[in-house]
């Protein structure tokens, strides 16, 4: 089942924030939290999975929404949209410095909010960001880097080299892939079928529309699932037949 987009609202006007939350929940988004200051937003981002952040530029603290946008750019690989009453040239120029994925001016309608979010998510996932800067080019190259026996996965500021043998399974979760290794989990933005192409074909198979598994880590199987460590993973009919055939060969 597809999971709803998880959104963090950072808005110091409680009435506007509650209205935004009602609009978003009515559309089908999930609100992770609704906070009023930079420090609260920082804590939510650190402890929860967030797909997108809606940020008012003027907050009830010394640090502004632009400071928060900069923090997100430096520490998280997620899109954010400024939602503000300020559309003067100076504010817009200042906002542009942290490269938001959208800029929505109050007052707005539910449809405006929906459109801004969907376009921001779509562009963030599918656009070619190589033209943004030389640093972005380097990021894309590294995130796609595959070595003979391993792959690089980005987590905050660092690229972690993961041995193929250490990857147990990969689960599609909305716009993310959850790469499960023997001791860690990593979130990657990629379609499941594209990621499968980067992995060794003799080890990794698409066991289900939402899962890639490393067959070397399969511990048990029944008519509907396989078990990897303590995780039950649903399997397709074709994959079950493939595994049973391999076991009997």
Protein backbone atom coordinates (compact mmCIF):
# COMPACT_ATOMS: atom_id res chain seq x y z
CA UNK A 1 0.00 0.00 0.00
CA UNK A 2 1.38 3.40 -0.96
CA UNK A 3 2.31 5.55 2.02
CA UNK A 4 1.13 9.19 2.23
CA UNK A 5 3.62 12.02 1.77
CA UNK A 6 4.87 13.12 5.20
CA UNK A 7 4.97 16.91 5.63
CA UNK A 8 6.38 19.15 8.35
CA UNK A 9 4.71 22.57 8.76
CA UNK A 10 6.85 25.38 10.20
CA UNK A 11 4.55 28.38 10.72
CA UNK A 12 4.35 30.77 13.68
CA UNK A 13 0.75 31.86 13.05
CA UNK A 14 -1.23 29.10 14.75
CA UNK A 15 -4.46 29.85 12.88
CA UNK A 16 -2.74 29.70 9.47
CA UNK A 17 -0.83 26.58 10.50
CA UNK A 18 -4.02 24.80 11.57
CA UNK A 19 -5.76 25.82 8.32
CA UNK A 20 -2.82 24.46 6.32
CA UNK A 21 -2.89 21.21 8.25
CA UNK A 22 -6.63 20.78 7.62
CA UNK A 23 -6.17 21.48 3.89
CA UNK A 24 -3.31 19.01 3.60
CA UNK A 25 -4.97 16.22 5.57
CA UNK A 26 -8.13 16.62 3.50
CA UNK A 27 -6.06 16.06 0.34
CA UNK A 28 -4.44 12.96 1.85
CA UNK A 29 -1.02 14.13 3.07
CA UNK A 30 0.26 13.13 6.52
CA UNK A 31 1.39 15.92 8.87
CA UNK A 32 4.43 14.79 10.84
CA UNK A 33 4.27 17.88 13.07
CA UNK A 34 3.19 21.50 13.15
CA UNK A 35 5.79 23.76 14.82
CA UNK A 36 6.45 27.48 15.20
CA UNK A 37 10.22 27.93 15.60
CA UNK A 38 13.51 26.83 13.99
CA UNK A 39 14.63 24.76 16.98
CA UNK A 40 11.44 22.68 17.04
CA UNK A 41 11.72 22.04 13.30
CA UNK A 42 15.35 20.98 13.71
CA UNK A 43 14.31 18.44 16.37
CA UNK A 44 11.51 16.99 14.23
CA UNK A 45 13.82 16.60 11.23
CA UNK A 46 16.38 14.83 13.39
CA UNK A 47 13.93 12.32 14.84
CA UNK A 48 11.27 11.71 12.18
CA UNK A 49 10.98 10.77 8.54
CA UNK A 50 9.90 13.88 6.58
CA UNK A 51 9.30 14.01 2.82
CA UNK A 52 8.78 17.78 2.45
CA UNK A 53 8.82 20.90 4.64
CA UNK A 54 6.55 23.95 4.36
CA UNK A 55 8.33 26.94 5.91
CA UNK A 56 7.19 30.44 6.81
CA UNK A 57 10.10 32.86 6.31
CA UNK A 58 9.35 34.91 9.45
CA UNK A 59 9.32 32.68 12.53
CA UNK A 60 8.79 33.25 16.26
CA UNK A 61 12.52 32.99 16.97
CA UNK A 62 15.82 34.69 16.14
CA UNK A 63 16.44 32.19 13.36
CA UNK A 64 14.28 32.61 10.26
CA UNK A 65 12.76 30.24 7.76
CA UNK A 66 15.69 31.02 5.48
CA UNK A 67 18.05 29.78 8.20
CA UNK A 68 15.98 26.60 8.35
CA UNK A 69 16.10 26.26 4.57
CA UNK A 70 19.89 26.49 4.72
CA UNK A 71 19.99 23.85 7.48
CA UNK A 72 17.86 21.49 5.38
CA UNK A 73 20.04 22.02 2.29
CA UNK A 74 23.19 21.22 4.28
CA UNK A 75 21.89 18.23 6.22
CA UNK A 76 18.92 16.60 4.47
CA UNK A 77 18.10 15.46 0.98
CA UNK A 78 14.46 16.63 0.98
CA UNK A 79 12.56 19.47 -0.73
CA UNK A 80 11.11 22.50 1.04
CA UNK A 81 8.72 25.29 0.05
CA UNK A 82 8.61 28.80 1.50
CA UNK A 83 5.06 29.83 2.40
CA UNK A 84 5.07 33.54 3.18
CA UNK A 85 3.25 36.86 3.05
CA UNK A 86 6.45 38.52 1.82
CA UNK A 87 6.91 38.82 -1.91
CA UNK A 88 9.12 41.93 -2.06
CA UNK A 89 12.30 41.75 -4.11
CA UNK A 90 14.68 41.73 -1.12
CA UNK A 91 12.90 38.79 0.56
CA UNK A 92 12.69 36.83 -2.67
CA UNK A 93 16.39 37.37 -3.41
CA UNK A 94 17.30 36.30 0.12
CA UNK A 95 15.10 33.20 -0.21
CA UNK A 96 16.67 32.28 -3.55
CA UNK A 97 20.07 31.97 -1.86
CA UNK A 98 19.04 28.66 -0.24
CA UNK A 99 17.38 27.30 -3.43
CA UNK A 100 13.86 26.46 -2.20
CA UNK A 101 11.82 24.00 -4.23
CA UNK A 102 8.87 26.38 -4.25
CA UNK A 103 7.66 29.79 -3.07
CA UNK A 104 3.98 30.20 -2.20
CA UNK A 105 2.57 33.63 -1.30
CA UNK A 106 -0.23 33.95 1.26
CA UNK A 107 -3.20 33.98 1.05
CA UNK A 108 -3.62 30.85 -1.04
CA UNK A 109 -6.25 28.21 -1.78
CA UNK A 110 -6.06 24.48 -1.16
CA UNK A 111 -5.43 23.85 -4.87
CA UNK A 112 -2.46 26.26 -4.83
CA UNK A 113 -0.95 24.37 -1.90
CA UNK A 114 -1.51 20.99 -3.55
CA UNK A 115 -0.02 22.13 -6.87
CA UNK A 116 3.08 23.62 -5.22
CA UNK A 117 3.75 20.45 -3.23
CA UNK A 118 3.28 18.05 -6.14
CA UNK A 119 5.44 20.08 -8.50
CA UNK A 120 8.17 20.44 -5.85
CA UNK A 121 8.21 16.69 -5.19
CA UNK A 122 8.13 15.81 -8.88
CA UNK A 123 10.95 18.18 -9.78
CA UNK A 124 13.01 17.09 -6.80
CA UNK A 125 12.78 13.41 -7.69
CA UNK A 126 12.94 13.47 -11.47
CA UNK A 127 14.65 16.65 -12.65
CA UNK A 128 18.25 16.70 -13.75
CA UNK A 129 19.89 18.73 -11.01
CA UNK A 130 23.29 18.59 -12.68
CA UNK A 131 22.85 22.10 -14.03
CA UNK A 132 22.31 23.57 -10.60
CA UNK A 133 25.98 23.72 -9.65
CA UNK A 134 29.29 21.88 -9.93
CA UNK A 135 28.63 20.45 -6.47
CA UNK A 136 25.33 18.99 -7.63
CA UNK A 137 27.10 17.33 -10.55
CA UNK A 138 29.53 15.71 -8.14
CA UNK A 139 26.67 14.56 -5.88
CA UNK A 140 24.81 12.89 -8.74
CA UNK A 141 27.95 11.17 -10.01
CA UNK A 142 28.81 9.86 -6.56
CA UNK A 143 25.27 8.73 -5.73
CA UNK A 144 25.28 6.63 -8.91
CA UNK A 145 28.80 5.32 -8.38
CA UNK A 146 28.97 1.54 -8.51
CA UNK A 147 32.22 -0.32 -7.87
CA UNK A 148 32.97 -3.95 -8.62
CA UNK A 149 31.79 -5.20 -5.24
CA UNK A 150 29.98 -2.22 -3.69
CA UNK A 151 27.87 0.89 -4.15
CA UNK A 152 27.97 4.37 -2.59
CA UNK A 153 24.95 5.66 -0.67
CA UNK A 154 24.68 9.25 0.54
CA UNK A 155 23.65 9.99 4.12
CA UNK A 156 23.69 13.67 5.10
CA UNK A 157 27.22 14.94 4.28
CA UNK A 158 28.89 11.58 3.69
CA UNK A 159 28.90 8.86 1.05
CA UNK A 160 28.98 5.40 2.62
CA UNK A 161 30.46 2.52 0.68
CA UNK A 162 28.22 -0.54 1.06
CA UNK A 163 29.38 -4.00 0.08
CA UNK A 164 26.82 -5.78 -2.07
CA UNK A 165 27.13 -8.81 0.20
CA UNK A 166 25.99 -6.67 3.16
CA UNK A 167 22.72 -5.58 1.54
CA UNK A 168 19.88 -7.78 2.80
CA UNK A 169 16.93 -6.21 1.00
CA UNK A 170 15.64 -2.94 -0.44
CA UNK A 171 12.11 -1.70 0.20
CA UNK A 172 10.27 0.94 -1.83
CA UNK A 173 8.65 3.51 0.48
CA UNK A 174 6.89 6.23 -1.48
CA UNK A 175 9.58 8.41 -3.12
CA UNK A 176 12.36 6.71 -1.14
CA UNK A 177 14.07 3.36 -1.16
CA UNK A 178 15.03 1.91 2.21
CA UNK A 179 18.32 0.04 1.78
CA UNK A 180 18.64 -2.49 4.62
CA UNK A 181 22.13 -3.78 5.31
CA UNK A 182 23.37 -6.12 8.03
CA UNK A 183 23.77 -3.24 10.48
CA UNK A 184 22.28 -0.02 9.01
CA UNK A 185 19.43 1.49 7.01
CA UNK A 186 19.87 4.12 4.31
CA UNK A 187 17.25 6.19 2.48
CA UNK A 188 17.81 6.70 -1.25
CA UNK A 189 15.70 8.57 -3.82
CA UNK A 190 15.36 6.31 -6.85
CA UNK A 191 12.78 4.19 -8.67
CA UNK A 192 13.11 0.56 -7.57
CA UNK A 193 13.63 -0.75 -11.11
CA UNK A 194 16.47 1.74 -11.74
CA UNK A 195 18.24 0.75 -8.53
CA UNK A 196 17.96 -2.94 -9.40
CA UNK A 197 19.98 -2.28 -12.55
CA UNK A 198 22.94 -1.15 -10.42
CA UNK A 199 23.06 -4.41 -8.45
CA UNK A 200 24.62 -7.77 -9.39
CA UNK A 201 22.06 -9.81 -11.34
CA UNK A 202 23.16 -13.11 -9.83
CA UNK A 203 22.36 -11.97 -6.27
CA UNK A 204 19.55 -9.41 -6.39
CA UNK A 205 16.01 -10.06 -7.61
CA UNK A 206 12.74 -8.17 -7.50
CA UNK A 207 10.79 -10.45 -5.19
CA UNK A 208 7.71 -8.20 -5.10
CA UNK A 209 6.65 -4.90 -6.64
CA UNK A 210 7.99 -3.13 -3.54
CA UNK A 211 11.04 -5.26 -2.69
CA UNK A 212 14.45 -6.22 -4.03
CA UNK A 213 16.12 -9.03 -2.09
CA UNK A 214 19.59 -10.49 -1.88
CA UNK A 215 18.98 -14.23 -2.28
CA UNK A 216 22.07 -15.02 -0.19
CA UNK A 217 20.26 -13.61 2.87
CA UNK A 218 17.02 -15.60 2.56
CA UNK A 219 16.55 -17.66 5.74
CA UNK A 220 13.13 -19.25 5.13
CA UNK A 221 10.24 -19.37 2.65
CA UNK A 222 6.55 -20.29 2.61
CA UNK A 223 3.79 -19.95 0.03
CA UNK A 224 3.49 -16.16 0.43
CA UNK A 225 6.65 -14.80 2.06
CA UNK A 226 10.34 -15.15 2.54
CA UNK A 227 12.16 -14.39 5.78
CA UNK A 228 15.35 -12.34 5.89
CA UNK A 229 16.71 -12.06 9.41
CA UNK A 230 13.50 -11.19 11.36
CA UNK A 231 11.66 -9.53 8.46
CA UNK A 232 8.86 -11.19 6.53
CA UNK A 233 8.83 -10.02 2.91
CA UNK A 234 5.91 -10.72 0.55
CA UNK A 235 6.83 -12.40 -2.72
CA UNK A 236 5.27 -12.68 -6.16
CA UNK A 237 4.23 -15.98 -7.71
CA UNK A 238 7.06 -15.77 -10.27
CA UNK A 239 9.69 -15.20 -7.58
CA UNK A 240 8.37 -18.09 -5.46
CA UNK A 241 8.63 -20.41 -8.46
CA UNK A 242 12.13 -19.13 -9.17
CA UNK A 243 13.33 -19.74 -5.59
CA UNK A 244 11.78 -23.21 -5.38
CA UNK A 245 13.31 -24.11 -8.73
CA UNK A 246 16.73 -22.89 -7.58
CA UNK A 247 16.43 -24.88 -4.35
CA UNK A 248 15.64 -28.06 -6.25
CA UNK A 249 18.29 -27.68 -8.94
